[in-house]
Amino acid sequence: MSGNLSFLELIWSASLVVQLVMLLLLAASVFSWAIILRKRGILRQAVAGSNKFEKNFWSGGDLTEIYQEITRGGEAPADMAGVFEAGFRAFRRLTQQSGVSPGQVVEGAQRAMRVAQTREMDRLEENLASLATIGSTSPYVGLFGTVWGIMNSFTALGNVQSATLAMVAPGIAEALIATAMGLFAAIPAVIAYNRYADKVTRLEVRYDTFAEEFATILERHARARVSSGAS
C-alpha cells in the first residue's frame, strides 16, 4: 500500500510540465485502448461476415437470391457482401440497358466493386493512423517529461552547498515515471497497429481475389444473355 502512495506522491509532487506530460500520455493511452477495443470488434465482424458470405456464395446458389438475401434488411451490406452487392447491382442495371456490350457491363460492375471496396477499406483502416501516431510519439513525449524533470532536479542543486543523492533521487524518480507512462501508452498501440494492419491487408487481398473471380462470373452471365437474346 505504501508503494502505491509513494508512487502517487511522486506524481503529485512533480513539476507542472511533467504533470501535463503525464496527463497527455494518460489521455493518449485511454484513447488508444478505445480504438483497440472498437477496431477489434469491427475486424472480427468483417472476417466473420466475409467467411459466412463466401461459404454461401461458393455453395452454388443463385446470384439473384443471394443479392435479395443480403439486401433484405434494407441496410447496406458491409465486408465482402458489400462488394458483391455493388457489383451485382451495377450488373443488373447495365444488362437492362440496350446497346451495352458484355465488356461494358463487366467494366461497370468492376468499377462499382472497386468503389465499394475502397469505401470498405476506409472503414476498416479508420483510426489505424492514430494508433501508429500514439505508438511512435508517446516514448518521445515521455522522454521530454523525463528530461525536463531531471533538468529541474539538477537546477535545484545549484542553491545548496552540499548535494546528496537523497536530494535529487525524488526528482529523478518522478521524471522517470513520464518515460514509463510513454512506454505504457506506446507498446499496446504499436502491437495493435501491426496486428490490425496485417488483418486489414489480408482482407483487402481477399476482396481483390473475390472481385476478380466475381467479374469472371458476371462476364460469363453477360455473354450468355447476349447469346440468348441474339438467338
C-alpha atoms as a PDB file:
ATOM      1  CA  MET A   1       0.000   0.000   0.000  1.00  0.00           C
ATOM      2  CA  SER A   2       2.818   2.355   0.881  1.00  0.00           C
ATOM      3  CA  GLY A   3       4.371   1.733  -2.531  1.00  0.00           C
ATOM      4  CA  ASN A   4       1.183   2.928  -4.193  1.00  0.00           C
ATOM      5  CA  LEU A   5       1.102   6.023  -2.002  1.00  0.00           C
ATOM      6  CA  SER A   6       4.726   6.913  -2.726  1.00  0.00           C
ATOM      7  CA  PHE A   7       4.089   6.463  -6.450  1.00  0.00           C
ATOM      8  CA  LEU A   8       1.113   8.810  -6.308  1.00  0.00           C
ATOM      9  CA  GLU A   9       3.054  11.254  -4.180  1.00  0.00           C
ATOM     10  CA  LEU A  10       5.813  11.347  -6.776  1.00  0.00           C
ATOM     11  CA  ILE A  11       3.282  12.206  -9.465  1.00  0.00           C
ATOM     12  CA  TRP A  12       1.609  14.828  -7.270  1.00  0.00           C
ATOM     13  CA  SER A  13       4.922  16.479  -6.371  1.00  0.00           C
ATOM     14  CA  ALA A  14       6.184  16.585  -9.963  1.00  0.00           C
ATOM     15  CA  SER A  15       6.561  19.902 -11.740  1.00  0.00           C
ATOM     16  CA  LEU A  16       3.661  21.301 -13.741  1.00  0.00           C
ATOM     17  CA  VAL A  17       5.273  20.470 -17.087  1.00  0.00           C
ATOM     18  CA  VAL A  18       5.904  16.853 -16.069  1.00  0.00           C
ATOM     19  CA  GLN A  19       2.345  16.546 -14.765  1.00  0.00           C
ATOM     20  CA  LEU A  20       0.981  17.867 -18.056  1.00  0.00           C
ATOM     21  CA  VAL A  21       3.111  15.340 -19.936  1.00  0.00           C
ATOM     22  CA  MET A  22       1.767  12.529 -17.731  1.00  0.00           C
ATOM     23  CA  LEU A  23      -1.797  13.722 -18.254  1.00  0.00           C
ATOM     24  CA  LEU A  24      -1.270  13.844 -22.013  1.00  0.00           C
ATOM     25  CA  LEU A  25       0.163  10.325 -22.034  1.00  0.00           C
ATOM     26  CA  LEU A  26      -2.689   9.037 -19.889  1.00  0.00           C
ATOM     27  CA  ALA A  27      -5.222  10.538 -22.312  1.00  0.00           C
ATOM     28  CA  ALA A  28      -3.326   9.019 -25.259  1.00  0.00           C
ATOM     29  CA  SER A  29      -3.355   5.621 -23.575  1.00  0.00           C
ATOM     30  CA  VAL A  30      -7.105   5.765 -22.899  1.00  0.00           C
ATOM     31  CA  PHE A  31      -7.771   6.914 -26.460  1.00  0.00           C
ATOM     32  CA  SER A  32      -5.614   4.158 -27.953  1.00  0.00           C
ATOM     33  CA  TRP A  33      -7.332   1.465 -25.872  1.00  0.00           C
ATOM     34  CA  ALA A  34     -10.722   2.760 -27.002  1.00  0.00           C
ATOM     35  CA  ILE A  35      -9.560   2.430 -30.629  1.00  0.00           C
ATOM     36  CA  ILE A  36      -8.057  -1.016 -29.975  1.00  0.00           C
ATOM     37  CA  LEU A  37     -11.233  -2.446 -28.468  1.00  0.00           C
ATOM     38  CA  ARG A  38     -13.512  -0.915 -31.102  1.00  0.00           C
ATOM     39  CA  LYS A  39     -11.268  -1.928 -34.006  1.00  0.00           C
ATOM     40  CA  ARG A  40     -11.014  -5.449 -32.627  1.00  0.00           C
ATOM     41  CA  GLY A  41     -14.782  -5.844 -32.833  1.00  0.00           C
ATOM     42  CA  ILE A  42     -15.020  -4.302 -36.314  1.00  0.00           C
ATOM     43  CA  LEU A  43     -12.316  -6.519 -37.805  1.00  0.00           C
ATOM     44  CA  ARG A  44     -13.642  -9.640 -36.136  1.00  0.00           C
ATOM     45  CA  GLN A  45     -17.076  -8.875 -37.577  1.00  0.00           C
ATOM     46  CA  ALA A  46     -15.600  -8.228 -41.039  1.00  0.00           C
ATOM     47  CA  VAL A  47     -13.723 -11.534 -41.048  1.00  0.00           C
ATOM     48  CA  ALA A  48     -16.733 -13.491 -39.789  1.00  0.00           C
ATOM     49  CA  GLY A  49     -19.070 -11.778 -42.268  1.00  0.00           C
ATOM     50  CA  SER A  50     -16.734 -12.428 -45.190  1.00  0.00           C
ATOM     51  CA  ASN A  51     -16.337 -16.076 -44.203  1.00  0.00           C
ATOM     52  CA  LYS A  52     -20.103 -16.513 -43.996  1.00  0.00           C
ATOM     53  CA  PHE A  53     -20.705 -14.768 -47.317  1.00  0.00           C
ATOM     54  CA  GLU A  54     -18.003 -16.729 -49.145  1.00  0.00           C
ATOM     55  CA  LYS A  55     -19.412 -20.001 -47.877  1.00  0.00           C
ATOM     56  CA  ASN A  56     -22.884 -19.008 -49.092  1.00  0.00           C
ATOM     57  CA  PHE A  57     -21.633 -17.620 -52.416  1.00  0.00           C
ATOM     58  CA  TRP A  58     -19.498 -20.606 -53.410  1.00  0.00           C
ATOM     59  CA  SER A  59     -22.176 -23.092 -52.372  1.00  0.00           C
ATOM     60  CA  GLY A  60     -23.642 -22.648 -55.840  1.00  0.00           C
ATOM     61  CA  GLY A  61     -26.680 -20.549 -55.001  1.00  0.00           C
ATOM     62  CA  ASP A  62     -28.449 -18.292 -57.482  1.00  0.00           C
ATOM     63  CA  LEU A  63     -26.886 -14.822 -57.669  1.00  0.00           C
ATOM     64  CA  THR A  64     -30.254 -13.073 -57.592  1.00  0.00           C
ATOM     65  CA  GLU A  65     -31.284 -14.983 -54.486  1.00  0.00           C
ATOM     66  CA  ILE A  66     -28.001 -14.122 -52.760  1.00  0.00           C
ATOM     67  CA  TYR A  67     -28.468 -10.468 -53.698  1.00  0.00           C
ATOM     68  CA  GLN A  68     -32.023 -10.407 -52.347  1.00  0.00           C
ATOM     69  CA  GLU A  69     -30.931 -12.124 -49.154  1.00  0.00           C
ATOM     70  CA  ILE A  70     -28.182  -9.665 -48.256  1.00  0.00           C
ATOM     71  CA  THR A  71     -30.331  -6.621 -49.148  1.00  0.00           C
ATOM     72  CA  ARG A  72     -33.495  -7.830 -47.442  1.00  0.00           C
ATOM     73  CA  GLY A  73     -32.970  -5.825 -44.243  1.00  0.00           C
ATOM     74  CA  GLY A  74     -32.776  -2.504 -46.071  1.00  0.00           C
ATOM     75  CA  GLU A  75     -29.295  -1.738 -44.729  1.00  0.00           C
ATOM     76  CA  ALA A  76     -26.257  -1.531 -46.970  1.00  0.00           C
ATOM     77  CA  PRO A  77     -24.220  -4.734 -46.522  1.00  0.00           C
ATOM     78  CA  ALA A  78     -20.645  -4.494 -45.316  1.00  0.00           C
ATOM     79  CA  ASP A  79     -17.425  -6.509 -45.828  1.00  0.00           C
ATOM     80  CA  MET A  80     -17.328  -8.848 -48.840  1.00  0.00           C
ATOM     81  CA  ALA A  81     -21.105  -8.854 -49.182  1.00  0.00           C
ATOM     82  CA  GLY A  82     -20.951  -5.119 -49.836  1.00  0.00           C
ATOM     83  CA  VAL A  83     -18.520  -5.651 -52.706  1.00  0.00           C
ATOM     84  CA  PHE A  84     -20.827  -8.289 -54.173  1.00  0.00           C
ATOM     85  CA  GLU A  85     -23.909  -6.109 -53.748  1.00  0.00           C
ATOM     86  CA  ALA A  86     -22.319  -3.164 -55.551  1.00  0.00           C
ATOM     87  CA  GLY A  87     -21.085  -5.290 -58.443  1.00  0.00           C
ATOM     88  CA  PHE A  88     -24.307  -7.227 -58.929  1.00  0.00           C
ATOM     89  CA  ARG A  89     -26.457  -4.091 -58.657  1.00  0.00           C
ATOM     90  CA  ALA A  90     -24.396  -2.445 -61.413  1.00  0.00           C
ATOM     91  CA  PHE A  91     -24.590  -5.649 -63.452  1.00  0.00           C
ATOM     92  CA  ARG A  92     -28.389  -5.763 -63.242  1.00  0.00           C
ATOM     93  CA  ARG A  93     -28.723  -2.095 -64.149  1.00  0.00           C
ATOM     94  CA  LEU A  94     -26.411  -2.313 -67.157  1.00  0.00           C
ATOM     95  CA  THR A  95     -27.888  -5.528 -68.537  1.00  0.00           C
ATOM     96  CA  GLN A  96     -31.311  -3.876 -68.586  1.00  0.00           C
ATOM     97  CA  GLN A  97     -29.993  -1.129 -70.845  1.00  0.00           C
ATOM     98  CA  SER A  98     -29.979  -1.664 -74.588  1.00  0.00           C
ATOM     99  CA  GLY A  99     -26.822  -1.443 -76.629  1.00  0.00           C
ATOM    100  CA  VAL A 100     -24.445  -2.243 -73.772  1.00  0.00           C
ATOM    101  CA  SER A 101     -21.838  -4.841 -74.649  1.00  0.00           C
ATOM    102  CA  PRO A 102     -20.770  -7.605 -72.226  1.00  0.00           C
ATOM    103  CA  GLY A 103     -17.393  -5.913 -71.836  1.00  0.00           C
ATOM    104  CA  GLN A 104     -19.041  -2.646 -70.819  1.00  0.00           C
ATOM    105  CA  VAL A 105     -21.287  -4.482 -68.366  1.00  0.00           C
ATOM    106  CA  VAL A 106     -18.332  -6.174 -66.682  1.00  0.00           C
ATOM    107  CA  GLU A 107     -16.329  -2.961 -66.668  1.00  0.00           C
ATOM    108  CA  GLY A 108     -19.187  -1.116 -64.968  1.00  0.00           C
ATOM    109  CA  ALA A 109     -19.569  -3.875 -62.386  1.00  0.00           C
ATOM    110  CA  GLN A 110     -15.830  -3.867 -61.676  1.00  0.00           C
ATOM    111  CA  ARG A 111     -15.859  -0.106 -61.243  1.00  0.00           C
ATOM    112  CA  ALA A 112     -18.744  -0.355 -58.770  1.00  0.00           C
ATOM    113  CA  MET A 113     -16.924  -3.105 -56.839  1.00  0.00           C
ATOM    114  CA  ARG A 114     -13.749  -1.007 -56.651  1.00  0.00           C
ATOM    115  CA  VAL A 115     -15.706   1.912 -55.209  1.00  0.00           C
ATOM    116  CA  ALA A 116     -17.408  -0.349 -52.652  1.00  0.00           C
ATOM    117  CA  GLN A 117     -14.099  -1.966 -51.730  1.00  0.00           C
ATOM    118  CA  THR A 118     -12.397   1.409 -51.296  1.00  0.00           C
ATOM    119  CA  ARG A 119     -15.219   2.542 -49.029  1.00  0.00           C
ATOM    120  CA  GLU A 120     -14.952  -0.670 -47.015  1.00  0.00           C
ATOM    121  CA  MET A 121     -11.171  -0.382 -46.669  1.00  0.00           C
ATOM    122  CA  ASP A 122     -11.548   3.216 -45.472  1.00  0.00           C
ATOM    123  CA  ARG A 123     -13.919   1.952 -42.786  1.00  0.00           C
ATOM    124  CA  LEU A 124     -11.544  -0.812 -41.698  1.00  0.00           C
ATOM    125  CA  GLU A 125      -8.473   1.449 -41.694  1.00  0.00           C
ATOM    126  CA  GLU A 126     -10.184   4.232 -39.748  1.00  0.00           C
ATOM    127  CA  ASN A 127      -8.121   5.344 -36.713  1.00  0.00           C
ATOM    128  CA  LEU A 128      -5.239   2.985 -37.505  1.00  0.00           C
ATOM    129  CA  ALA A 129      -3.122   6.056 -38.251  1.00  0.00           C
ATOM    130  CA  SER A 130      -3.958   7.352 -34.766  1.00  0.00           C
ATOM    131  CA  LEU A 131      -2.603   4.138 -33.240  1.00  0.00           C
ATOM    132  CA  ALA A 132       0.575   4.499 -35.288  1.00  0.00           C
ATOM    133  CA  THR A 133       0.965   8.124 -34.176  1.00  0.00           C
ATOM    134  CA  ILE A 134       0.476   7.276 -30.497  1.00  0.00           C
ATOM    135  CA  GLY A 135       2.866   4.356 -30.748  1.00  0.00           C
ATOM    136  CA  SER A 136       5.613   6.380 -32.413  1.00  0.00           C
ATOM    137  CA  THR A 137       5.369   9.647 -30.463  1.00  0.00           C
ATOM    138  CA  SER A 138       4.470   8.586 -26.906  1.00  0.00           C
ATOM    139  CA  PRO A 139       8.022   7.465 -25.974  1.00  0.00           C
ATOM    140  CA  TYR A 140       9.408  10.810 -27.097  1.00  0.00           C
ATOM    141  CA  VAL A 141       6.758  12.729 -25.184  1.00  0.00           C
ATOM    142  CA  GLY A 142       7.591  10.691 -22.084  1.00  0.00           C
ATOM    143  CA  LEU A 143      11.296  11.287 -22.664  1.00  0.00           C
ATOM    144  CA  PHE A 144      10.659  15.018 -22.860  1.00  0.00           C
ATOM    145  CA  GLY A 145       8.955  14.880 -19.454  1.00  0.00           C
ATOM    146  CA  THR A 146      11.881  12.900 -18.054  1.00  0.00           C
ATOM    147  CA  VAL A 147      14.485  15.307 -19.381  1.00  0.00           C
ATOM    148  CA  TRP A 148      12.520  18.266 -18.053  1.00  0.00           C
ATOM    149  CA  GLY A 149      12.158  16.697 -14.598  1.00  0.00           C
ATOM    150  CA  ILE A 150      15.836  15.740 -14.340  1.00  0.00           C
ATOM    151  CA  MET A 151      16.835  19.185 -15.525  1.00  0.00           C
ATOM    152  CA  ASN A 152      14.736  20.767 -12.772  1.00  0.00           C
ATOM    153  CA  SER A 153      16.223  18.398 -10.177  1.00  0.00           C
ATOM    154  CA  PHE A 154      19.805  19.318 -11.049  1.00  0.00           C
ATOM    155  CA  THR A 155      18.955  23.000 -11.348  1.00  0.00           C
ATOM    156  CA  ALA A 156      17.676  22.934  -7.765  1.00  0.00           C
ATOM    157  CA  LEU A 157      21.042  21.603  -6.597  1.00  0.00           C
ATOM    158  CA  GLY A 158      22.645  24.885  -7.539  1.00  0.00           C
ATOM    159  CA  ASN A 159      21.055  26.535  -4.491  1.00  0.00           C
ATOM    160  CA  VAL A 160      22.604  24.157  -1.937  1.00  0.00           C
ATOM    161  CA  GLN A 161      26.209  23.838  -0.820  1.00  0.00           C
ATOM    162  CA  SER A 162      26.365  20.046  -0.346  1.00  0.00           C
ATOM    163  CA  ALA A 163      24.306  17.849  -2.660  1.00  0.00           C
ATOM    164  CA  THR A 164      23.312  14.295  -1.760  1.00  0.00           C
ATOM    165  CA  LEU A 165      21.626  11.505  -3.664  1.00  0.00           C
ATOM    166  CA  ALA A 166      18.620  11.746  -1.354  1.00  0.00           C
ATOM    167  CA  MET A 167      18.034  15.291  -2.523  1.00  0.00           C
ATOM    168  CA  VAL A 168      17.983  14.513  -6.247  1.00  0.00           C
ATOM    169  CA  ALA A 169      16.510  10.992  -6.182  1.00  0.00           C
ATOM    170  CA  PRO A 170      12.815  12.007  -5.812  1.00  0.00           C
ATOM    171  CA  GLY A 171      13.049  14.422  -8.737  1.00  0.00           C
ATOM    172  CA  ILE A 172      14.692  11.804 -10.948  1.00  0.00           C
ATOM    173  CA  ALA A 173      12.154   9.179  -9.900  1.00  0.00           C
ATOM    174  CA  GLU A 174       9.171  11.376 -10.726  1.00  0.00           C
ATOM    175  CA  ALA A 175      10.775  12.266 -14.051  1.00  0.00           C
ATOM    176  CA  LEU A 176      11.310   8.608 -14.957  1.00  0.00           C
ATOM    177  CA  ILE A 177       7.614   7.974 -14.388  1.00  0.00           C
ATOM    178  CA  ALA A 178       6.969  10.029 -17.525  1.00  0.00           C
ATOM    179  CA  THR A 179       9.143   7.670 -19.568  1.00  0.00           C
ATOM    180  CA  ALA A 180       7.341   4.664 -18.110  1.00  0.00           C
ATOM    181  CA  MET A 181       3.970   6.177 -18.975  1.00  0.00           C
ATOM    182  CA  GLY A 182       5.187   6.902 -22.507  1.00  0.00           C
ATOM    183  CA  LEU A 183       6.101   3.242 -22.978  1.00  0.00           C
ATOM    184  CA  PHE A 184       2.835   2.184 -21.357  1.00  0.00           C
ATOM    185  CA  ALA A 185       0.926   4.186 -23.978  1.00  0.00           C
ATOM    186  CA  ALA A 186       3.158   3.246 -26.919  1.00  0.00           C
ATOM    187  CA  ILE A 187       3.618  -0.523 -26.602  1.00  0.00           C
ATOM    188  CA  PRO A 188      -0.071  -1.575 -26.836  1.00  0.00           C
ATOM    189  CA  ALA A 189      -0.651   0.919 -29.648  1.00  0.00           C
ATOM    190  CA  VAL A 190       2.268  -0.436 -31.709  1.00  0.00           C
ATOM    191  CA  ILE A 191       1.284  -4.070 -31.158  1.00  0.00           C
ATOM    192  CA  ALA A 192      -2.359  -3.377 -32.032  1.00  0.00           C
ATOM    193  CA  TYR A 193      -1.440  -1.336 -35.110  1.00  0.00           C
ATOM    194  CA  ASN A 194       0.797  -4.077 -36.528  1.00  0.00           C
ATOM    195  CA  ARG A 195      -1.772  -6.770 -35.833  1.00  0.00           C
ATOM    196  CA  TYR A 196      -4.745  -4.840 -37.215  1.00  0.00           C
ATOM    197  CA  ALA A 197      -2.872  -3.525 -40.254  1.00  0.00           C
ATOM    198  CA  ASP A 198      -1.991  -7.112 -41.127  1.00  0.00           C
ATOM    199  CA  LYS A 199      -5.646  -8.152 -40.802  1.00  0.00           C
ATOM    200  CA  VAL A 200      -6.785  -5.269 -42.993  1.00  0.00           C
ATOM    201  CA  THR A 201      -4.209  -6.200 -45.640  1.00  0.00           C
ATOM    202  CA  ARG A 202      -5.363  -9.824 -45.615  1.00  0.00           C
ATOM    203  CA  LEU A 203      -8.983  -8.727 -46.006  1.00  0.00           C
ATOM    204  CA  GLU A 204      -8.054  -6.442 -48.875  1.00  0.00           C
ATOM    205  CA  VAL A 205      -6.367  -9.356 -50.678  1.00  0.00           C
ATOM    206  CA  ARG A 206      -9.488 -11.460 -50.154  1.00  0.00           C
ATOM    207  CA  TYR A 207     -11.702  -8.686 -51.520  1.00  0.00           C
ATOM    208  CA  ASP A 208      -9.445  -8.270 -54.571  1.00  0.00           C
ATOM    209  CA  THR A 209      -9.496 -12.001 -55.275  1.00  0.00           C
ATOM    210  CA  PHE A 210     -13.247 -12.214 -54.895  1.00  0.00           C
ATOM    211  CA  ALA A 211     -13.835  -9.185 -57.139  1.00  0.00           C
ATOM    212  CA  GLU A 212     -11.734 -10.721 -59.912  1.00  0.00           C
ATOM    213  CA  GLU A 213     -13.463 -14.094 -59.669  1.00  0.00           C
ATOM    214  CA  PHE A 214     -16.896 -12.498 -59.482  1.00  0.00           C
ATOM    215  CA  ALA A 215     -16.135 -10.337 -62.521  1.00  0.00           C
ATOM    216  CA  THR A 216     -15.332 -13.513 -64.470  1.00  0.00           C
ATOM    217  CA  ILE A 217     -18.688 -14.993 -63.443  1.00  0.00           C
ATOM    218  CA  LEU A 218     -20.513 -11.805 -64.423  1.00  0.00           C
ATOM    219  CA  GLU A 219     -18.782 -11.754 -67.797  1.00  0.00           C
ATOM    220  CA  ARG A 220     -19.970 -15.304 -68.443  1.00  0.00           C
ATOM    221  CA  HIS A 221     -23.541 -14.340 -67.482  1.00  0.00           C
ATOM    222  CA  ALA A 222     -23.415 -11.210 -69.631  1.00  0.00           C
ATOM    223  CA  ARG A 223     -22.263 -13.146 -72.710  1.00  0.00           C
ATOM    224  CA  ALA A 224     -24.922 -15.799 -72.085  1.00  0.00           C
ATOM    225  CA  ARG A 225     -27.616 -13.097 -72.026  1.00  0.00           C
ATOM    226  CA  VAL A 226     -26.348 -11.634 -75.295  1.00  0.00           C
ATOM    227  CA  SER A 227     -26.296 -15.090 -76.898  1.00  0.00           C
ATOM    228  CA  SER A 228     -29.815 -15.900 -75.704  1.00  0.00           C
ATOM    229  CA  GLY A 229     -31.050 -12.513 -76.912  1.00  0.00           C
ATOM    230  CA  ALA A 230     -29.464 -12.990 -80.318  1.00  0.00           C
ATOM    231  CA  SER A 231     -30.988 -16.425 -80.723  1.00  0.00           C
END
